[in-house]
Amino acid sequence: MLDSMRYMYQCGACRTISSHPSERAARVERADHAERVHDGRWHRNDDIIGIRGKPRPVGGYVLGWLDRHNWIIGRALLQFVGLFVAAGLLYRLFTAVFG
């Protein structure tokens, strides 16, 4: 279990430490901890620390990259769908005008 924990969140005020499998999970814990314990206040010394361990298999690197860059993938997917919708509308316009 400890091998799967790759990141630690450390609160700057109360020095609470928690382990997480991804950087995103650590960021979520940081926001949740600030809301629950510190009435939404963030502290200057809050830190997310990457834990070095034994190397992950290639699938782990791919999943780690996807975990950090999920917004890029969502944006690309949205642009891809938008492109196909626009192409379909242009096709219908072209066939309506030129038969």
PDB file of N, CA and C in Angstrom:
ATOM      1  N   MET A   1       0.822  -1.194   0.000  1.00  0.00           N
ATOM      2  CA  MET A   1       0.000   0.000   0.000  1.00  0.00           C
ATOM      3  C   MET A   1       0.868   1.260   0.000  1.00  0.00           C
ATOM      4  N   LEU A   2       1.916   1.259   0.799  1.00  0.00           N
ATOM      5  CA  LEU A   2       2.779   2.421   0.880  1.00  0.00           C
ATOM      6  C   LEU A   2       3.501   2.671  -0.442  1.00  0.00           C
ATOM      7  N   ASP A   3       3.805   1.588  -1.207  1.00  0.00           N
ATOM      8  CA  ASP A   3       4.469   1.767  -2.487  1.00  0.00           C
ATOM      9  C   ASP A   3       3.602   2.524  -3.482  1.00  0.00           C
ATOM     10  N   SER A   4       2.277   2.426  -3.354  1.00  0.00           N
ATOM     11  CA  SER A   4       1.391   3.109  -4.292  1.00  0.00           C
ATOM     12  C   SER A   4       1.211   4.582  -3.926  1.00  0.00           C
ATOM     13  N   MET A   5       1.638   5.004  -2.753  1.00  0.00           N
ATOM     14  CA  MET A   5       1.505   6.396  -2.356  1.00  0.00           C
ATOM     15  C   MET A   5       2.710   7.178  -2.869  1.00  0.00           C
ATOM     16  N   ARG A   6       2.476   8.052  -3.831  1.00  0.00           N
ATOM     17  CA  ARG A   6       3.556   8.752  -4.512  1.00  0.00           C
ATOM     18  C   ARG A   6       3.724  10.204  -4.068  1.00  0.00           C
ATOM     19  N   TYR A   7       2.705  10.781  -3.395  1.00  0.00           N
ATOM     20  CA  TYR A   7       2.760  12.182  -3.001  1.00  0.00           C
ATOM     21  C   TYR A   7       2.304  12.343  -1.556  1.00  0.00           C
ATOM     22  N   MET A   8       2.875  13.331  -0.880  1.00  0.00           N
ATOM     23  CA  MET A   8       2.482  13.646   0.489  1.00  0.00           C
ATOM     24  C   MET A   8       2.044  15.105   0.536  1.00  0.00           C
ATOM     25  N   TYR A   9       0.968  15.362   1.273  1.00  0.00           N
ATOM     26  CA  TYR A   9       0.542  16.738   1.551  1.00  0.00           C
ATOM     27  C   TYR A   9       0.900  17.052   2.989  1.00  0.00           C
ATOM     28  N   GLN A  10       1.544  18.199   3.208  1.00  0.00           N
ATOM     29  CA  GLN A  10       1.913  18.624   4.550  1.00  0.00           C
ATOM     30  C   GLN A  10       1.337  20.018   4.778  1.00  0.00           C
ATOM     31  N   CYS A  11       0.492  20.146   5.798  1.00  0.00           N
ATOM     32  CA  CYS A  11      -0.117  21.430   6.143  1.00  0.00           C
ATOM     33  C   CYS A  11       0.932  22.315   6.800  1.00  0.00           C
ATOM     34  N   GLY A  12       0.956  23.576   6.398  1.00  0.00           N
ATOM     35  CA  GLY A  12       1.933  24.501   6.953  1.00  0.00           C
ATOM     36  C   GLY A  12       1.611  24.977   8.352  1.00  0.00           C
ATOM     37  N   ALA A  13       0.345  24.900   8.742  1.00  0.00           N
ATOM     38  CA  ALA A  13      -0.042  25.422  10.059  1.00  0.00           C
ATOM     39  C   ALA A  13      -0.021  24.338  11.131  1.00  0.00           C
ATOM     40  N   CYS A  14      -0.736  23.238  10.878  1.00  0.00           N
ATOM     41  CA  CYS A  14      -0.859  22.221  11.932  1.00  0.00           C
ATOM     42  C   CYS A  14       0.061  21.023  11.699  1.00  0.00           C
ATOM     43  N   ARG A  15       0.828  21.050  10.607  1.00  0.00           N
ATOM     44  CA  ARG A  15       1.824  20.005  10.306  1.00  0.00           C
ATOM     45  C   ARG A  15       1.208  18.630  10.086  1.00  0.00           C
ATOM     46  N   THR A  16      -0.044  18.577   9.653  1.00  0.00           N
ATOM     47  CA  THR A  16      -0.677  17.313   9.302  1.00  0.00           C
ATOM     48  C   THR A  16      -0.039  16.795   8.022  1.00  0.00           C
ATOM     49  N   ILE A  17       0.211  15.492   7.965  1.00  0.00           N
ATOM     50  CA  ILE A  17       0.796  14.864   6.773  1.00  0.00           C
ATOM     51  C   ILE A  17      -0.130  13.749   6.319  1.00  0.00           C
ATOM     52  N   SER A  18      -0.390  13.701   5.014  1.00  0.00           N
ATOM     53  CA  SER A  18      -1.188  12.611   4.452  1.00  0.00           C
ATOM     54  C   SER A  18      -0.567  12.161   3.139  1.00  0.00           C
ATOM     55  N   SER A  19      -0.669  10.863   2.856  1.00  0.00           N
ATOM     56  CA  SER A  19      -0.094  10.284   1.644  1.00  0.00           C
ATOM     57  C   SER A  19      -1.183  10.055   0.609  1.00  0.00           C
ATOM     58  N   HIS A  20      -0.811  10.203  -0.681  1.00  0.00           N
ATOM     59  CA  HIS A  20      -1.781  10.089  -1.773  1.00  0.00           C
ATOM     60  C   HIS A  20      -1.134   9.430  -2.985  1.00  0.00           C
ATOM     61  N   PRO A  21      -1.942   8.722  -3.788  1.00  0.00           N
ATOM     62  CA  PRO A  21      -1.395   8.031  -4.957  1.00  0.00           C
ATOM     63  C   PRO A  21      -1.093   8.968  -6.126  1.00  0.00           C
ATOM     64  N   SER A  22      -1.708  10.167  -6.160  1.00  0.00           N
ATOM     65  CA  SER A  22      -1.477  11.081  -7.274  1.00  0.00           C
ATOM     66  C   SER A  22      -1.382  12.509  -6.757  1.00  0.00           C
ATOM     67  N   GLU A  23      -0.801  13.363  -7.577  1.00  0.00           N
ATOM     68  CA  GLU A  23      -0.675  14.764  -7.205  1.00  0.00           C
ATOM     69  C   GLU A  23      -2.056  15.423  -7.124  1.00  0.00           C
ATOM     70  N   ARG A  24      -2.950  15.018  -8.015  1.00  0.00           N
ATOM     71  CA  ARG A  24      -4.306  15.561  -7.992  1.00  0.00           C
ATOM     72  C   ARG A  24      -5.001  15.217  -6.674  1.00  0.00           C
ATOM     73  N   ALA A  25      -4.849  13.988  -6.208  1.00  0.00           N
ATOM     74  CA  ALA A  25      -5.456  13.591  -4.935  1.00  0.00           C
ATOM     75  C   ALA A  25      -4.873  14.406  -3.784  1.00  0.00           C
ATOM     76  N   ALA A  26      -3.582  14.703  -3.837  1.00  0.00           N
ATOM     77  CA  ALA A  26      -2.960  15.521  -2.791  1.00  0.00           C
ATOM     78  C   ALA A  26      -3.491  16.947  -2.825  1.00  0.00           C
ATOM     79  N   ARG A  27      -3.708  17.475  -4.033  1.00  0.00           N
ATOM     80  CA  ARG A  27      -4.268  18.832  -4.148  1.00  0.00           C
ATOM     81  C   ARG A  27      -5.708  18.880  -3.616  1.00  0.00           C
ATOM     82  N   VAL A  28      -6.472  17.831  -3.901  1.00  0.00           N
ATOM     83  CA  VAL A  28      -7.839  17.764  -3.379  1.00  0.00           C
ATOM     84  C   VAL A  28      -7.812  17.716  -1.858  1.00  0.00           C
ATOM     85  N   GLU A  29      -6.894  16.938  -1.297  1.00  0.00           N
ATOM     86  CA  GLU A  29      -6.769  16.859   0.166  1.00  0.00           C
ATOM     87  C   GLU A  29      -6.370  18.211   0.744  1.00  0.00           C
ATOM     88  N   ARG A  30      -5.504  18.950   0.046  1.00  0.00           N
ATOM     89  CA  ARG A  30      -5.097  20.272   0.512  1.00  0.00           C
ATOM     90  C   ARG A  30      -6.307  21.194   0.610  1.00  0.00           C
ATOM     91  N   ALA A  31      -7.131  21.218  -0.439  1.00  0.00           N
ATOM     92  CA  ALA A  31      -8.317  22.079  -0.435  1.00  0.00           C
ATOM     93  C   ALA A  31      -9.322  21.622   0.623  1.00  0.00           C
ATOM     94  N   ASP A  32      -9.525  20.325   0.725  1.00  0.00           N
ATOM     95  CA  ASP A  32     -10.473  19.790   1.703  1.00  0.00           C
ATOM     96  C   ASP A  32      -9.997  20.071   3.126  1.00  0.00           C
ATOM     97  N   HIS A  33      -8.713  19.898   3.375  1.00  0.00           N
ATOM     98  CA  HIS A  33      -8.150  20.145   4.703  1.00  0.00           C
ATOM     99  C   HIS A  33      -8.296  21.622   5.077  1.00  0.00           C
ATOM    100  N   ALA A  34      -8.043  22.514   4.119  1.00  0.00           N
ATOM    101  CA  ALA A  34      -8.182  23.947   4.399  1.00  0.00           C
ATOM    102  C   ALA A  34      -9.631  24.282   4.734  1.00  0.00           C
ATOM    103  N   GLU A  35     -10.579  23.680   4.031  1.00  0.00           N
ATOM    104  CA  GLU A  35     -12.001  23.932   4.306  1.00  0.00           C
ATOM    105  C   GLU A  35     -12.419  23.393   5.671  1.00  0.00           C
ATOM    106  N   ARG A  36     -12.046  22.134   5.938  1.00  0.00           N
ATOM    107  CA  ARG A  36     -12.496  21.472   7.177  1.00  0.00           C
ATOM    108  C   ARG A  36     -11.835  22.033   8.418  1.00  0.00           C
ATOM    109  N   VAL A  37     -10.533  22.151   8.388  1.00  0.00           N
ATOM    110  CA  VAL A  37      -9.780  22.437   9.613  1.00  0.00           C
ATOM    111  C   VAL A  37      -9.503  23.925   9.799  1.00  0.00           C
ATOM    112  N   HIS A  38      -9.220  24.635   8.713  1.00  0.00           N
ATOM    113  CA  HIS A  38      -8.762  26.023   8.828  1.00  0.00           C
ATOM    114  C   HIS A  38      -9.767  27.026   8.262  1.00  0.00           C
ATOM    115  N   ASP A  39     -11.046  26.661   8.211  1.00  0.00           N
ATOM    116  CA  ASP A  39     -12.118  27.564   7.756  1.00  0.00           C
ATOM    117  C   ASP A  39     -11.838  28.161   6.382  1.00  0.00           C
ATOM    118  N   GLY A  40     -11.265  27.363   5.481  1.00  0.00           N
ATOM    119  CA  GLY A  40     -11.023  27.804   4.108  1.00  0.00           C
ATOM    120  C   GLY A  40      -9.760  28.609   3.911  1.00  0.00           C
ATOM    121  N   ARG A  41      -8.998  28.829   4.957  1.00  0.00           N
ATOM    122  CA  ARG A  41      -7.751  29.607   4.830  1.00  0.00           C
ATOM    123  C   ARG A  41      -6.607  28.705   4.415  1.00  0.00           C
ATOM    124  N   TRP A  42      -5.818  29.184   3.468  1.00  0.00           N
ATOM    125  CA  TRP A  42      -4.624  28.461   3.013  1.00  0.00           C
ATOM    126  C   TRP A  42      -3.418  29.080   3.707  1.00  0.00           C
ATOM    127  N   HIS A  43      -2.447  28.230   4.012  1.00  0.00           N
ATOM    128  CA  HIS A  43      -1.261  28.705   4.714  1.00  0.00           C
ATOM    129  C   HIS A  43      -0.064  28.726   3.778  1.00  0.00           C
ATOM    130  N   ARG A  44       0.823  29.623   4.058  1.00  0.00           N
ATOM    131  CA  ARG A  44       1.953  29.860   3.168  1.00  0.00           C
ATOM    132  C   ARG A  44       2.869  28.632   3.037  1.00  0.00           C
ATOM    133  N   ASN A  45       3.003  27.852   4.082  1.00  0.00           N
ATOM    134  CA  ASN A  45       3.949  26.736   4.075  1.00  0.00           C
ATOM    135  C   ASN A  45       3.325  25.401   3.679  1.00  0.00           C
ATOM    136  N   ASP A  46       2.105  25.407   3.136  1.00  0.00           N
ATOM    137  CA  ASP A  46       1.521  24.154   2.634  1.00  0.00           C
ATOM    138  C   ASP A  46       2.419  23.609   1.534  1.00  0.00           C
ATOM    139  N   ASP A  47       2.572  22.297   1.489  1.00  0.00           N
ATOM    140  CA  ASP A  47       3.485  21.719   0.509  1.00  0.00           C
ATOM    141  C   ASP A  47       2.981  20.353   0.059  1.00  0.00           C
ATOM    142  N   ILE A  48       3.158  20.075  -1.224  1.00  0.00           N
ATOM    143  CA  ILE A  48       2.920  18.742  -1.771  1.00  0.00           C
ATOM    144  C   ILE A  48       4.269  18.203  -2.202  1.00  0.00           C
ATOM    145  N   ILE A  49       4.646  17.082  -1.633  1.00  0.00           N
ATOM    146  CA  ILE A  49       5.986  16.528  -1.827  1.00  0.00           C
ATOM    147  C   ILE A  49       5.879  15.229  -2.603  1.00  0.00           C
ATOM    148  N   GLY A  50       6.641  15.118  -3.670  1.00  0.00           N
ATOM    149  CA  GLY A  50       6.710  13.864  -4.408  1.00  0.00           C
ATOM    150  C   GLY A  50       7.627  12.890  -3.690  1.00  0.00           C
ATOM    151  N   ILE A  51       7.176  11.659  -3.516  1.00  0.00           N
ATOM    152  CA  ILE A  51       7.956  10.637  -2.822  1.00  0.00           C
ATOM    153  C   ILE A  51       8.654   9.780  -3.867  1.00  0.00           C
ATOM    154  N   ARG A  52       9.941   9.690  -3.756  1.00  0.00           N
ATOM    155  CA  ARG A  52      10.678   8.833  -4.683  1.00  0.00           C
ATOM    156  C   ARG A  52      10.634   7.403  -4.168  1.00  0.00           C
ATOM    157  N   GLY A  53      10.310   6.514  -5.050  1.00  0.00           N
ATOM    158  CA  GLY A  53      10.259   5.105  -4.695  1.00  0.00           C
ATOM    159  C   GLY A  53      10.806   4.287  -5.845  1.00  0.00           C
ATOM    160  N   LYS A  54      10.529   3.015  -5.851  1.00  0.00           N
ATOM    161  CA  LYS A  54      10.993   2.215  -6.969  1.00  0.00           C
ATOM    162  C   LYS A  54      10.220   2.623  -8.228  1.00  0.00           C
ATOM    163  N   PRO A  55      10.850   2.533  -9.391  1.00  0.00           N
ATOM    164  CA  PRO A  55      10.217   3.005 -10.625  1.00  0.00           C
ATOM    165  C   PRO A  55       8.913   2.274 -10.917  1.00  0.00           C
ATOM    166  N   ARG A  56       7.981   3.015 -11.473  1.00  0.00           N
ATOM    167  CA  ARG A  56       6.709   2.419 -11.862  1.00  0.00           C
ATOM    168  C   ARG A  56       6.859   1.739 -13.212  1.00  0.00           C
ATOM    169  N   PRO A  57       6.024   0.750 -13.503  1.00  0.00           N
ATOM    170  CA  PRO A  57       6.036   0.172 -14.835  1.00  0.00           C
ATOM    171  C   PRO A  57       5.538   1.200 -15.851  1.00  0.00           C
ATOM    172  N   VAL A  58       5.740   0.907 -17.140  1.00  0.00           N
ATOM    173  CA  VAL A  58       5.385   1.856 -18.189  1.00  0.00           C
ATOM    174  C   VAL A  58       3.923   2.270 -18.075  1.00  0.00           C
ATOM    175  N   GLY A  59       3.030   1.337 -17.791  1.00  0.00           N
ATOM    176  CA  GLY A  59       1.618   1.675 -17.624  1.00  0.00           C
ATOM    177  C   GLY A  59       1.411   2.680 -16.509  1.00  0.00           C
ATOM    178  N   GLY A  60       2.215   2.587 -15.457  1.00  0.00           N
ATOM    179  CA  GLY A  60       2.126   3.538 -14.361  1.00  0.00           C
ATOM    180  C   GLY A  60       2.535   4.933 -14.789  1.00  0.00           C
ATOM    181  N   TYR A  61       3.559   5.056 -15.647  1.00  0.00           N
ATOM    182  CA  TYR A  61       3.963   6.358 -16.156  1.00  0.00           C
ATOM    183  C   TYR A  61       2.877   6.963 -17.032  1.00  0.00           C
ATOM    184  N   VAL A  62       2.249   6.123 -17.868  1.00  0.00           N
ATOM    185  CA  VAL A  62       1.160   6.610 -18.725  1.00  0.00           C
ATOM    186  C   VAL A  62       0.000   7.079 -17.871  1.00  0.00           C
ATOM    187  N   LEU A  63      -0.390   6.286 -16.872  1.00  0.00           N
ATOM    188  CA  LEU A  63      -1.491   6.689 -15.991  1.00  0.00           C
ATOM    189  C   LEU A  63      -1.131   7.934 -15.189  1.00  0.00           C
ATOM    190  N   GLY A  64       0.110   8.048 -14.780  1.00  0.00           N
ATOM    191  CA  GLY A  64       0.553   9.244 -14.065  1.00  0.00           C
ATOM    192  C   GLY A  64       0.483  10.483 -14.945  1.00  0.00           C
ATOM    193  N   TRP A  65       0.906  10.348 -16.206  1.00  0.00           N
ATOM    194  CA  TRP A  65       0.829  11.469 -17.149  1.00  0.00           C
ATOM    195  C   TRP A  65      -0.628  11.856 -17.381  1.00  0.00           C
ATOM    196  N   LEU A  66      -1.491  10.852 -17.587  1.00  0.00           N
ATOM    197  CA  LEU A  66      -2.910  11.129 -17.800  1.00  0.00           C
ATOM    198  C   LEU A  66      -3.525  11.795 -16.573  1.00  0.00           C
ATOM    199  N   ASP A  67      -3.076  11.406 -15.393  1.00  0.00           N
ATOM    200  CA  ASP A  67      -3.592  11.983 -14.160  1.00  0.00           C
ATOM    201  C   ASP A  67      -3.236  13.466 -14.047  1.00  0.00           C
ATOM    202  N   ARG A  68      -2.019  13.815 -14.466  1.00  0.00           N
ATOM    203  CA  ARG A  68      -1.587  15.208 -14.388  1.00  0.00           C
ATOM    204  C   ARG A  68      -2.121  16.064 -15.525  1.00  0.00           C
ATOM    205  N   HIS A  69      -2.430  15.461 -16.681  1.00  0.00           N
ATOM    206  CA  HIS A  69      -2.806  16.230 -17.865  1.00  0.00           C
ATOM    207  C   HIS A  69      -4.215  15.933 -18.337  1.00  0.00           C
ATOM    208  N   ASN A  70      -5.118  15.589 -17.443  1.00  0.00           N
ATOM    209  CA  ASN A  70      -6.467  15.228 -17.860  1.00  0.00           C
ATOM    210  C   ASN A  70      -7.214  16.396 -18.481  1.00  0.00           C
ATOM    211  N   TRP A  71      -6.901  17.628 -18.098  1.00  0.00           N
ATOM    212  CA  TRP A  71      -7.586  18.781 -18.687  1.00  0.00           C
ATOM    213  C   TRP A  71      -7.188  18.955 -20.140  1.00  0.00           C
ATOM    214  N   ILE A  72      -5.957  18.618 -20.514  1.00  0.00           N
ATOM    215  CA  ILE A  72      -5.525  18.718 -21.911  1.00  0.00           C
ATOM    216  C   ILE A  72      -6.303  17.725 -22.757  1.00  0.00           C
ATOM    217  N   ILE A  73      -6.478  16.529 -22.232  1.00  0.00           N
ATOM    218  CA  ILE A  73      -7.197  15.493 -22.973  1.00  0.00           C
ATOM    219  C   ILE A  73      -8.659  15.894 -23.142  1.00  0.00           C
ATOM    220  N   GLY A  74      -9.274  16.421 -22.100  1.00  0.00           N
ATOM    221  CA  GLY A  74     -10.659  16.870 -22.201  1.00  0.00           C
ATOM    222  C   GLY A  74     -10.829  17.997 -23.197  1.00  0.00           C
ATOM    223  N   ARG A  75      -9.888  18.934 -23.196  1.00  0.00           N
ATOM    224  CA  ARG A  75      -9.956  20.046 -24.139  1.00  0.00           C
ATOM    225  C   ARG A  75      -9.782  19.556 -25.569  1.00  0.00           C
ATOM    226  N   ALA A  76      -8.839  18.646 -25.799  1.00  0.00           N
ATOM    227  CA  ALA A  76      -8.634  18.103 -27.136  1.00  0.00           C
ATOM    228  C   ALA A  76      -9.862  17.334 -27.603  1.00  0.00           C
ATOM    229  N   LEU A  77     -10.479  16.581 -26.706  1.00  0.00           N
ATOM    230  CA  LEU A  77     -11.688  15.836 -27.065  1.00  0.00           C
ATOM    231  C   LEU A  77     -12.819  16.799 -27.428  1.00  0.00           C
ATOM    232  N   LEU A  78     -12.973  17.872 -26.669  1.00  0.00           N
ATOM    233  CA  LEU A  78     -13.996  18.864 -26.969  1.00  0.00           C
ATOM    234  C   LEU A  78     -13.745  19.521 -28.324  1.00  0.00           C
ATOM    235  N   GLN A  79     -12.503  19.843 -28.641  1.00  0.00           N
ATOM    236  CA  GLN A  79     -12.179  20.435 -29.939  1.00  0.00           C
ATOM    237  C   GLN A  79     -12.429  19.441 -31.065  1.00  0.00           C
ATOM    238  N   PHE A  80     -12.120  18.194 -30.840  1.00  0.00           N
ATOM    239  CA  PHE A  80     -12.335  17.149 -31.836  1.00  0.00           C
ATOM    240  C   PHE A  80     -13.827  17.015 -32.142  1.00  0.00           C
ATOM    241  N   VAL A  81     -14.661  16.979 -31.119  1.00  0.00           N
ATOM    242  CA  VAL A  81     -16.106  16.874 -31.315  1.00  0.00           C
ATOM    243  C   VAL A  81     -16.626  18.131 -32.011  1.00  0.00           C
ATOM    244  N   GLY A  82     -16.150  19.300 -31.589  1.00  0.00           N
ATOM    245  CA  GLY A  82     -16.569  20.546 -32.219  1.00  0.00           C
ATOM    246  C   GLY A  82     -16.204  20.606 -33.689  1.00  0.00           C
ATOM    247  N   LEU A  83     -15.039  20.086 -34.027  1.00  0.00           N
ATOM    248  CA  LEU A  83     -14.607  20.050 -35.425  1.00  0.00           C
ATOM    249  C   LEU A  83     -15.534  19.175 -36.255  1.00  0.00           C
ATOM    250  N   PHE A  84     -15.913  18.027 -35.739  1.00  0.00           N
ATOM    251  CA  PHE A  84     -16.800  17.144 -36.490  1.00  0.00           C
ATOM    252  C   PHE A  84     -18.213  17.713 -36.606  1.00  0.00           C
ATOM    253  N   VAL A  85     -18.689  18.397 -35.582  1.00  0.00           N
ATOM    254  CA  VAL A  85     -20.005  19.037 -35.668  1.00  0.00           C
ATOM    255  C   VAL A  85     -19.975  20.139 -36.726  1.00  0.00           C
ATOM    256  N   ALA A  86     -18.916  20.954 -36.706  1.00  0.00           N
ATOM    257  CA  ALA A  86     -18.788  22.024 -37.699  1.00  0.00           C
ATOM    258  C   ALA A  86     -18.669  21.450 -39.110  1.00  0.00           C
ATOM    259  N   ALA A  87     -17.905  20.373 -39.263  1.00  0.00           N
ATOM    260  CA  ALA A  87     -17.766  19.751 -40.584  1.00  0.00           C
ATOM    261  C   ALA A  87     -19.107  19.200 -41.064  1.00  0.00           C
ATOM    262  N   GLY A  88     -19.891  18.619 -40.171  1.00  0.00           N
ATOM    263  CA  GLY A  88     -21.209  18.110 -40.548  1.00  0.00           C
ATOM    264  C   GLY A  88     -22.146  19.226 -40.974  1.00  0.00           C
ATOM    265  N   LEU A  89     -22.122  20.339 -40.248  1.00  0.00           N
ATOM    266  CA  LEU A  89     -22.972  21.469 -40.613  1.00  0.00           C
ATOM    267  C   LEU A  89     -22.555  22.067 -41.951  1.00  0.00           C
ATOM    268  N   LEU A  90     -21.256  22.187 -42.185  1.00  0.00           N
ATOM    269  CA  LEU A  90     -20.771  22.688 -43.474  1.00  0.00           C
ATOM    270  C   LEU A  90     -21.142  21.744 -44.610  1.00  0.00           C
ATOM    271  N   TYR A  91     -21.095  20.455 -44.368  1.00  0.00           N
ATOM    272  CA  TYR A  91     -21.486  19.482 -45.391  1.00  0.00           C
ATOM    273  C   TYR A  91     -22.961  19.637 -45.739  1.00  0.00           C
ATOM    274  N   ARG A  92     -23.802  19.775 -44.705  1.00  0.00           N
ATOM    275  CA  ARG A  92     -25.252  19.940 -44.957  1.00  0.00           C
ATOM    276  C   ARG A  92     -25.529  21.244 -45.693  1.00  0.00           C
ATOM    277  N   LEU A  93     -24.816  22.310 -45.351  1.00  0.00           N
ATOM    278  CA  LEU A  93     -24.979  23.581 -46.056  1.00  0.00           C
ATOM    279  C   LEU A  93     -24.548  23.461 -47.509  1.00  0.00           C
ATOM    280  N   PHE A  94     -23.412  22.823 -47.739  1.00  0.00           N
ATOM    281  CA  PHE A  94     -22.894  22.647 -49.092  1.00  0.00           C
ATOM    282  C   PHE A  94     -23.855  21.829 -49.947  1.00  0.00           C
ATOM    283  N   THR A  95     -24.379  20.714 -49.395  1.00  0.00           N
ATOM    284  CA  THR A  95     -25.296  19.886 -50.179  1.00  0.00           C
ATOM    285  C   THR A  95     -26.639  20.579 -50.383  1.00  0.00           C
ATOM    286  N   ALA A  96     -27.056  21.447 -49.455  1.00  0.00           N
ATOM    287  CA  ALA A  96     -28.315  22.167 -49.636  1.00  0.00           C
ATOM    288  C   ALA A  96     -28.179  23.243 -50.716  1.00  0.00           C
ATOM    289  N   VAL A  97     -27.020  23.882 -50.794  1.00  0.00           N
ATOM    290  CA  VAL A  97     -26.824  24.949 -51.777  1.00  0.00           C
ATOM    291  C   VAL A  97     -26.519  24.383 -53.157  1.00  0.00           C
ATOM    292  N   PHE A  98     -25.625  23.414 -53.241  1.00  0.00           N
ATOM    293  CA  PHE A  98     -25.164  22.898 -54.534  1.00  0.00           C
ATOM    294  C   PHE A  98     -25.825  21.579 -54.943  1.00  0.00           C
ATOM    295  N   GLY A  99     -26.637  21.015 -54.109  1.00  0.00           N
ATOM    296  CA  GLY A  99     -27.385  19.809 -54.442  1.00  0.00           C
ATOM    297  C   GLY A  99     -26.597  18.604 -54.384  1.00  0.00           C
TER     298      GLY A  99
END
